[in-house]
Amino acid sequence: MQGLAVMMFSVDNDTNKVLVYAGVPDEVTRKGLVLIDWLRKALEPINGKGGGGKGGLAQGQVKHHLNSNCILM
C-alpha cells in the first residue's frame, strides 16, 4: 500500500525485548507526520526507547517485562 505509515512490533523472547519498526513514506511526512516523534510517542507509555531514523524508517525497543498483548493495545 502506498501512502500508509506503519509500525510493527516483534517479540524476541531470547533477548527479552520487543523490537519496534516504523516506516513513514514521504507523502505522509509532507502531510506533517514526523517519524521519530510518532515512534517515541508510541513507545512512551510502555517505557520504550526510539532511536534515530533515516530514509523514512526508524526502530525502537521495549524491555519485555509486560504481557506483549498489553503493548499492542
PDB file of N, CA and C in Angstrom:
ATOM      1  N   MET A   1       0.842  -1.186   0.000  1.00  0.00           N
ATOM      2  CA  MET A   1       0.000   0.000   0.000  1.00  0.00           C
ATOM      3  C   MET A   1       0.880   1.240   0.000  1.00  0.00           C
ATOM      4  N   GLN A   2       0.593   2.121  -0.852  1.00  0.00           N
ATOM      5  CA  GLN A   2       1.338   3.370  -0.885  1.00  0.00           C
ATOM      6  C   GLN A   2       0.674   4.391   0.027  1.00  0.00           C
ATOM      7  N   GLY A   3       1.478   5.256   0.586  1.00  0.00           N
ATOM      8  CA  GLY A   3       0.949   6.336   1.412  1.00  0.00           C
ATOM      9  C   GLY A   3       0.453   5.920   2.772  1.00  0.00           C
ATOM     10  N   LEU A   4       0.938   4.799   3.265  1.00  0.00           N
ATOM     11  CA  LEU A   4       0.478   4.291   4.552  1.00  0.00           C
ATOM     12  C   LEU A   4       1.652   4.211   5.526  1.00  0.00           C
ATOM     13  N   ALA A   5       1.544   4.890   6.659  1.00  0.00           N
ATOM     14  CA  ALA A   5       2.547   4.793   7.720  1.00  0.00           C
ATOM     15  C   ALA A   5       2.286   3.505   8.492  1.00  0.00           C
ATOM     16  N   VAL A   6       3.355   2.790   8.839  1.00  0.00           N
ATOM     17  CA  VAL A   6       3.197   1.527   9.558  1.00  0.00           C
ATOM     18  C   VAL A   6       4.132   1.475  10.762  1.00  0.00           C
ATOM     19  N   MET A   7       3.691   0.731  11.779  1.00  0.00           N
ATOM     20  CA  MET A   7       4.528   0.460  12.941  1.00  0.00           C
ATOM     21  C   MET A   7       4.298  -1.006  13.293  1.00  0.00           C
ATOM     22  N   MET A   8       5.399  -1.763  13.371  1.00  0.00           N
ATOM     23  CA  MET A   8       5.309  -3.191  13.639  1.00  0.00           C
ATOM     24  C   MET A   8       6.058  -3.532  14.925  1.00  0.00           C
ATOM     25  N   PHE A   9       5.499  -4.462  15.670  1.00  0.00           N
ATOM     26  CA  PHE A   9       6.086  -4.922  16.921  1.00  0.00           C
ATOM     27  C   PHE A   9       6.440  -6.392  16.782  1.00  0.00           C
ATOM     28  N   SER A  10       7.625  -6.780  17.251  1.00  0.00           N
ATOM     29  CA  SER A  10       8.066  -8.166  17.175  1.00  0.00           C
ATOM     30  C   SER A  10       8.687  -8.562  18.515  1.00  0.00           C
ATOM     31  N   VAL A  11       8.139  -9.595  19.133  1.00  0.00           N
ATOM     32  CA  VAL A  11       8.642 -10.065  20.428  1.00  0.00           C
ATOM     33  C   VAL A  11       9.836 -10.979  20.200  1.00  0.00           C
ATOM     34  N   ASP A  12      10.945 -10.683  20.882  1.00  0.00           N
ATOM     35  CA  ASP A  12      12.143 -11.520  20.852  1.00  0.00           C
ATOM     36  C   ASP A  12      12.335 -12.094  22.244  1.00  0.00           C
ATOM     37  N   ASN A  13      11.839 -13.301  22.443  1.00  0.00           N
ATOM     38  CA  ASN A  13      11.909 -13.925  23.764  1.00  0.00           C
ATOM     39  C   ASN A  13      13.329 -14.275  24.179  1.00  0.00           C
ATOM     40  N   ASP A  14      14.238 -14.451  23.224  1.00  0.00           N
ATOM     41  CA  ASP A  14      15.628 -14.772  23.551  1.00  0.00           C
ATOM     42  C   ASP A  14      16.339 -13.601  24.219  1.00  0.00           C
ATOM     43  N   THR A  15      16.014 -12.377  23.802  1.00  0.00           N
ATOM     44  CA  THR A  15      16.649 -11.188  24.387  1.00  0.00           C
ATOM     45  C   THR A  15      15.736 -10.481  25.376  1.00  0.00           C
ATOM     46  N   ASN A  16      14.519 -10.987  25.526  1.00  0.00           N
ATOM     47  CA  ASN A  16      13.544 -10.407  26.446  1.00  0.00           C
ATOM     48  C   ASN A  16      13.197  -8.965  26.072  1.00  0.00           C
ATOM     49  N   LYS A  17      13.053  -8.721  24.760  1.00  0.00           N
ATOM     50  CA  LYS A  17      12.728  -7.392  24.266  1.00  0.00           C
ATOM     51  C   LYS A  17      11.633  -7.463  23.221  1.00  0.00           C
ATOM     52  N   VAL A  18      10.972  -6.347  23.053  1.00  0.00           N
ATOM     53  CA  VAL A  18      10.052  -6.173  21.942  1.00  0.00           C
ATOM     54  C   VAL A  18      10.701  -5.163  21.008  1.00  0.00           C
ATOM     55  N   LEU A  19      10.923  -5.568  19.768  1.00  0.00           N
ATOM     56  CA  LEU A  19      11.523  -4.697  18.769  1.00  0.00           C
ATOM     57  C   LEU A  19      10.409  -3.992  18.005  1.00  0.00           C
ATOM     58  N   VAL A  20      10.625  -2.724  17.716  1.00  0.00           N
ATOM     59  CA  VAL A  20       9.603  -1.921  17.061  1.00  0.00           C
ATOM     60  C   VAL A  20      10.209  -1.275  15.819  1.00  0.00           C
ATOM     61  N   TYR A  21       9.521  -1.420  14.704  1.00  0.00           N
ATOM     62  CA  TYR A  21       9.961  -0.830  13.445  1.00  0.00           C
ATOM     63  C   TYR A  21       8.846   0.053  12.920  1.00  0.00           C
ATOM     64  N   ALA A  22       9.210   1.241  12.462  1.00  0.00           N
ATOM     65  CA  ALA A  22       8.217   2.176  11.933  1.00  0.00           C
ATOM     66  C   ALA A  22       8.679   2.706  10.582  1.00  0.00           C
ATOM     67  N   GLY A  23       7.722   2.915   9.703  1.00  0.00           N
ATOM     68  CA  GLY A  23       8.021   3.468   8.397  1.00  0.00           C
ATOM     69  C   GLY A  23       6.978   4.502   8.010  1.00  0.00           C
ATOM     70  N   VAL A  24       7.457   5.621   7.504  1.00  0.00           N
ATOM     71  CA  VAL A  24       6.566   6.694   7.068  1.00  0.00           C
ATOM     72  C   VAL A  24       7.014   7.137   5.671  1.00  0.00           C
ATOM     73  N   PRO A  25       6.155   6.969   4.674  1.00  0.00           N
ATOM     74  CA  PRO A  25       6.533   7.394   3.331  1.00  0.00           C
ATOM     75  C   PRO A  25       6.585   8.919   3.212  1.00  0.00           C
ATOM     76  N   ASP A  26       7.316   9.395   2.217  1.00  0.00           N
ATOM     77  CA  ASP A  26       7.490  10.835   2.013  1.00  0.00           C
ATOM     78  C   ASP A  26       6.173  11.586   1.931  1.00  0.00           C
ATOM     79  N   GLU A  27       5.195  11.021   1.242  1.00  0.00           N
ATOM     80  CA  GLU A  27       3.928  11.742   1.084  1.00  0.00           C
ATOM     81  C   GLU A  27       3.208  11.944   2.416  1.00  0.00           C
ATOM     82  N   VAL A  28       3.395  11.033   3.362  1.00  0.00           N
ATOM     83  CA  VAL A  28       2.794  11.180   4.694  1.00  0.00           C
ATOM     84  C   VAL A  28       3.604  12.185   5.514  1.00  0.00           C
ATOM     85  N   THR A  29       4.913  12.156   5.358  1.00  0.00           N
ATOM     86  CA  THR A  29       5.770  13.135   6.037  1.00  0.00           C
ATOM     87  C   THR A  29       5.411  14.552   5.594  1.00  0.00           C
ATOM     88  N   ARG A  30       5.159  14.725   4.311  1.00  0.00           N
ATOM     89  CA  ARG A  30       4.776  16.044   3.801  1.00  0.00           C
ATOM     90  C   ARG A  30       3.453  16.535   4.388  1.00  0.00           C
ATOM     91  N   LYS A  31       2.616  15.604   4.843  1.00  0.00           N
ATOM     92  CA  LYS A  31       1.342  15.970   5.464  1.00  0.00           C
ATOM     93  C   LYS A  31       1.515  16.293   6.945  1.00  0.00           C
ATOM     94  N   GLY A  32       2.741  16.081   7.483  1.00  0.00           N
ATOM     95  CA  GLY A  32       3.007  16.503   8.851  1.00  0.00           C
ATOM     96  C   GLY A  32       3.384  15.439   9.857  1.00  0.00           C
ATOM     97  N   LEU A  33       3.360  14.160   9.482  1.00  0.00           N
ATOM     98  CA  LEU A  33       3.734  13.117  10.447  1.00  0.00           C
ATOM     99  C   LEU A  33       5.256  13.015  10.504  1.00  0.00           C
ATOM    100  N   VAL A  34       5.819  13.270  11.686  1.00  0.00           N
ATOM    101  CA  VAL A  34       7.267  13.191  11.885  1.00  0.00           C
ATOM    102  C   VAL A  34       7.577  11.808  12.462  1.00  0.00           C
ATOM    103  N   LEU A  35       8.309  11.032  11.710  1.00  0.00           N
ATOM    104  CA  LEU A  35       8.567   9.629  12.042  1.00  0.00           C
ATOM    105  C   LEU A  35       9.070   9.425  13.461  1.00  0.00           C
ATOM    106  N   ILE A  36      10.160  10.052  13.822  1.00  0.00           N
ATOM    107  CA  ILE A  36      10.769   9.798  15.124  1.00  0.00           C
ATOM    108  C   ILE A  36       9.869  10.269  16.271  1.00  0.00           C
ATOM    109  N   ASP A  37       9.141  11.359  16.061  1.00  0.00           N
ATOM    110  CA  ASP A  37       8.195  11.828  17.085  1.00  0.00           C
ATOM    111  C   ASP A  37       7.076  10.815  17.286  1.00  0.00           C
ATOM    112  N   TRP A  38       6.570  10.264  16.181  1.00  0.00           N
ATOM    113  CA  TRP A  38       5.491   9.268  16.236  1.00  0.00           C
ATOM    114  C   TRP A  38       5.961   8.015  16.973  1.00  0.00           C
ATOM    115  N   LEU A  39       7.162   7.551  16.632  1.00  0.00           N
ATOM    116  CA  LEU A  39       7.707   6.360  17.276  1.00  0.00           C
ATOM    117  C   LEU A  39       7.912   6.585  18.774  1.00  0.00           C
ATOM    118  N   ARG A  40       8.540   7.669  19.123  1.00  0.00           N
ATOM    119  CA  ARG A  40       8.790   7.942  20.547  1.00  0.00           C
ATOM    120  C   ARG A  40       7.498   8.113  21.335  1.00  0.00           C
ATOM    121  N   LYS A  41       6.511   8.770  20.737  1.00  0.00           N
ATOM    122  CA  LYS A  41       5.220   8.965  21.414  1.00  0.00           C
ATOM    123  C   LYS A  41       4.520   7.622  21.631  1.00  0.00           C
ATOM    124  N   ALA A  42       4.628   6.722  20.655  1.00  0.00           N
ATOM    125  CA  ALA A  42       4.009   5.399  20.778  1.00  0.00           C
ATOM    126  C   ALA A  42       4.690   4.558  21.857  1.00  0.00           C
ATOM    127  N   LEU A  43       5.997   4.733  22.025  1.00  0.00           N
ATOM    128  CA  LEU A  43       6.746   3.934  22.992  1.00  0.00           C
ATOM    129  C   LEU A  43       6.749   4.518  24.398  1.00  0.00           C
ATOM    130  N   GLU A  44       6.433   5.776  24.514  1.00  0.00           N
ATOM    131  CA  GLU A  44       6.471   6.465  25.805  1.00  0.00           C
ATOM    132  C   GLU A  44       5.652   5.780  26.904  1.00  0.00           C
ATOM    133  N   PRO A  45       4.397   5.392  26.670  1.00  0.00           N
ATOM    134  CA  PRO A  45       3.604   4.792  27.756  1.00  0.00           C
ATOM    135  C   PRO A  45       4.117   3.432  28.231  1.00  0.00           C
ATOM    136  N   ILE A  46       4.937   2.781  27.422  1.00  0.00           N
ATOM    137  CA  ILE A  46       5.449   1.460  27.798  1.00  0.00           C
ATOM    138  C   ILE A  46       6.955   1.497  28.061  1.00  0.00           C
ATOM    139  N   ASN A  47       7.463   2.710  28.327  1.00  0.00           N
ATOM    140  CA  ASN A  47       8.865   2.923  28.685  1.00  0.00           C
ATOM    141  C   ASN A  47       9.851   2.397  27.639  1.00  0.00           C
ATOM    142  N   GLY A  48       9.479   2.549  26.381  1.00  0.00           N
ATOM    143  CA  GLY A  48      10.359   2.123  25.298  1.00  0.00           C
ATOM    144  C   GLY A  48      11.275   3.254  24.863  1.00  0.00           C
ATOM    145  N   LYS A  49      12.242   2.898  24.035  1.00  0.00           N
ATOM    146  CA  LYS A  49      13.196   3.873  23.512  1.00  0.00           C
ATOM    147  C   LYS A  49      13.166   3.808  21.998  1.00  0.00           C
ATOM    148  N   GLY A  50      13.136   4.972  21.372  1.00  0.00           N
ATOM    149  CA  GLY A  50      13.181   5.043  19.924  1.00  0.00           C
ATOM    150  C   GLY A  50      14.458   5.720  19.485  1.00  0.00           C
ATOM    151  N   GLY A  51      15.117   5.127  18.522  1.00  0.00           N
ATOM    152  CA  GLY A  51      16.353   5.698  18.027  1.00  0.00           C
ATOM    153  C   GLY A  51      16.120   6.583  16.822  1.00  0.00           C
ATOM    154  N   GLY A  52      17.180   7.135  16.330  1.00  0.00           N
ATOM    155  CA  GLY A  52      17.093   7.964  15.135  1.00  0.00           C
ATOM    156  C   GLY A  52      16.720   7.126  13.936  1.00  0.00           C
ATOM    157  N   GLY A  53      16.188   7.773  12.962  1.00  0.00           N
ATOM    158  CA  GLY A  53      15.814   7.076  11.749  1.00  0.00           C
ATOM    159  C   GLY A  53      16.323   7.826  10.536  1.00  0.00           C
ATOM    160  N   LYS A  54      16.255   7.166   9.403  1.00  0.00           N
ATOM    161  CA  LYS A  54      16.593   7.837   8.160  1.00  0.00           C
ATOM    162  C   LYS A  54      15.901   7.105   7.022  1.00  0.00           C
ATOM    163  N   GLY A  55      15.694   7.830   5.957  1.00  0.00           N
ATOM    164  CA  GLY A  55      15.055   7.220   4.804  1.00  0.00           C
ATOM    165  C   GLY A  55      13.631   6.775   5.059  1.00  0.00           C
ATOM    166  N   GLY A  56      12.963   7.417   6.015  1.00  0.00           N
ATOM    167  CA  GLY A  56      11.576   7.064   6.305  1.00  0.00           C
ATOM    168  C   GLY A  56      11.408   5.855   7.200  1.00  0.00           C
ATOM    169  N   LEU A  57      12.503   5.346   7.782  1.00  0.00           N
ATOM    170  CA  LEU A  57      12.446   4.177   8.655  1.00  0.00           C
ATOM    171  C   LEU A  57      13.120   4.468   9.986  1.00  0.00           C
ATOM    172  N   ALA A  58      12.579   3.898  11.067  1.00  0.00           N
ATOM    173  CA  ALA A  58      13.176   4.049  12.391  1.00  0.00           C
ATOM    174  C   ALA A  58      12.849   2.803  13.204  1.00  0.00           C
ATOM    175  N   GLN A  59      13.605   2.610  14.275  1.00  0.00           N
ATOM    176  CA  GLN A  59      13.356   1.456  15.134  1.00  0.00           C
ATOM    177  C   GLN A  59      13.472   1.833  16.593  1.00  0.00           C
ATOM    178  N   GLY A  60      12.886   1.004  17.429  1.00  0.00           N
ATOM    179  CA  GLY A  60      12.943   1.202  18.868  1.00  0.00           C
ATOM    180  C   GLY A  60      12.856  -0.140  19.558  1.00  0.00           C
ATOM    181  N   GLN A  61      12.867  -0.094  20.876  1.00  0.00           N
ATOM    182  CA  GLN A  61      12.754  -1.342  21.638  1.00  0.00           C
ATOM    183  C   GLN A  61      12.145  -1.092  23.003  1.00  0.00           C
ATOM    184  N   VAL A  62      11.612  -2.177  23.556  1.00  0.00           N
ATOM    185  CA  VAL A  62      10.964  -2.153  24.865  1.00  0.00           C
ATOM    186  C   VAL A  62      11.408  -3.407  25.602  1.00  0.00           C
ATOM    187  N   LYS A  63      11.752  -3.275  26.877  1.00  0.00           N
ATOM    188  CA  LYS A  63      12.017  -4.472  27.686  1.00  0.00           C
ATOM    189  C   LYS A  63      10.717  -5.259  27.766  1.00  0.00           C
ATOM    190  N   HIS A  64      10.818  -6.550  27.592  1.00  0.00           N
ATOM    191  CA  HIS A  64       9.647  -7.428  27.533  1.00  0.00           C
ATOM    192  C   HIS A  64       9.220  -7.882  28.932  1.00  0.00           C
ATOM    193  N   HIS A  65       8.969  -6.917  29.809  1.00  0.00           N
ATOM    194  CA  HIS A  65       8.526  -7.246  31.157  1.00  0.00           C
ATOM    195  C   HIS A  65       7.010  -7.229  31.269  1.00  0.00           C
ATOM    196  N   LEU A  66       6.368  -6.775  30.212  1.00  0.00           N
ATOM    197  CA  LEU A  66       4.904  -6.725  30.172  1.00  0.00           C
ATOM    198  C   LEU A  66       4.382  -7.860  29.304  1.00  0.00           C
ATOM    199  N   ASN A  67       3.141  -8.149  29.445  1.00  0.00           N
ATOM    200  CA  ASN A  67       2.476  -9.071  28.535  1.00  0.00           C
ATOM    201  C   ASN A  67       2.471  -8.403  27.157  1.00  0.00           C
ATOM    202  N   SER A  68       2.983  -9.082  26.142  1.00  0.00           N
ATOM    203  CA  SER A  68       3.077  -8.473  24.817  1.00  0.00           C
ATOM    204  C   SER A  68       1.726  -8.069  24.259  1.00  0.00           C
ATOM    205  N   ASN A  69       0.660  -8.717  24.665  1.00  0.00           N
ATOM    206  CA  ASN A  69      -0.674  -8.317  24.213  1.00  0.00           C
ATOM    207  C   ASN A  69      -1.024  -6.930  24.733  1.00  0.00           C
ATOM    208  N   CYS A  70      -0.553  -6.594  25.917  1.00  0.00           N
ATOM    209  CA  CYS A  70      -0.806  -5.275  26.503  1.00  0.00           C
ATOM    210  C   CYS A  70      -0.144  -4.184  25.661  1.00  0.00           C
ATOM    211  N   ILE A  71       1.039  -4.451  25.133  1.00  0.00           N
ATOM    212  CA  ILE A  71       1.763  -3.484  24.317  1.00  0.00           C
ATOM    213  C   ILE A  71       0.995  -3.151  23.058  1.00  0.00           C
ATOM    214  N   LEU A  72       0.343  -4.138  22.477  1.00  0.00           N
ATOM    215  CA  LEU A  72      -0.326  -3.939  21.201  1.00  0.00           C
ATOM    216  C   LEU A  72      -1.678  -3.264  21.306  1.00  0.00           C
ATOM    217  N   MET A  73      -2.179  -3.074  22.498  1.00  0.00           N
ATOM    218  CA  MET A  73      -3.495  -2.450  22.659  1.00  0.00           C
ATOM    219  C   MET A  73      -3.479  -0.989  22.338  1.00  0.00           C
TER     220      MET A  73
END
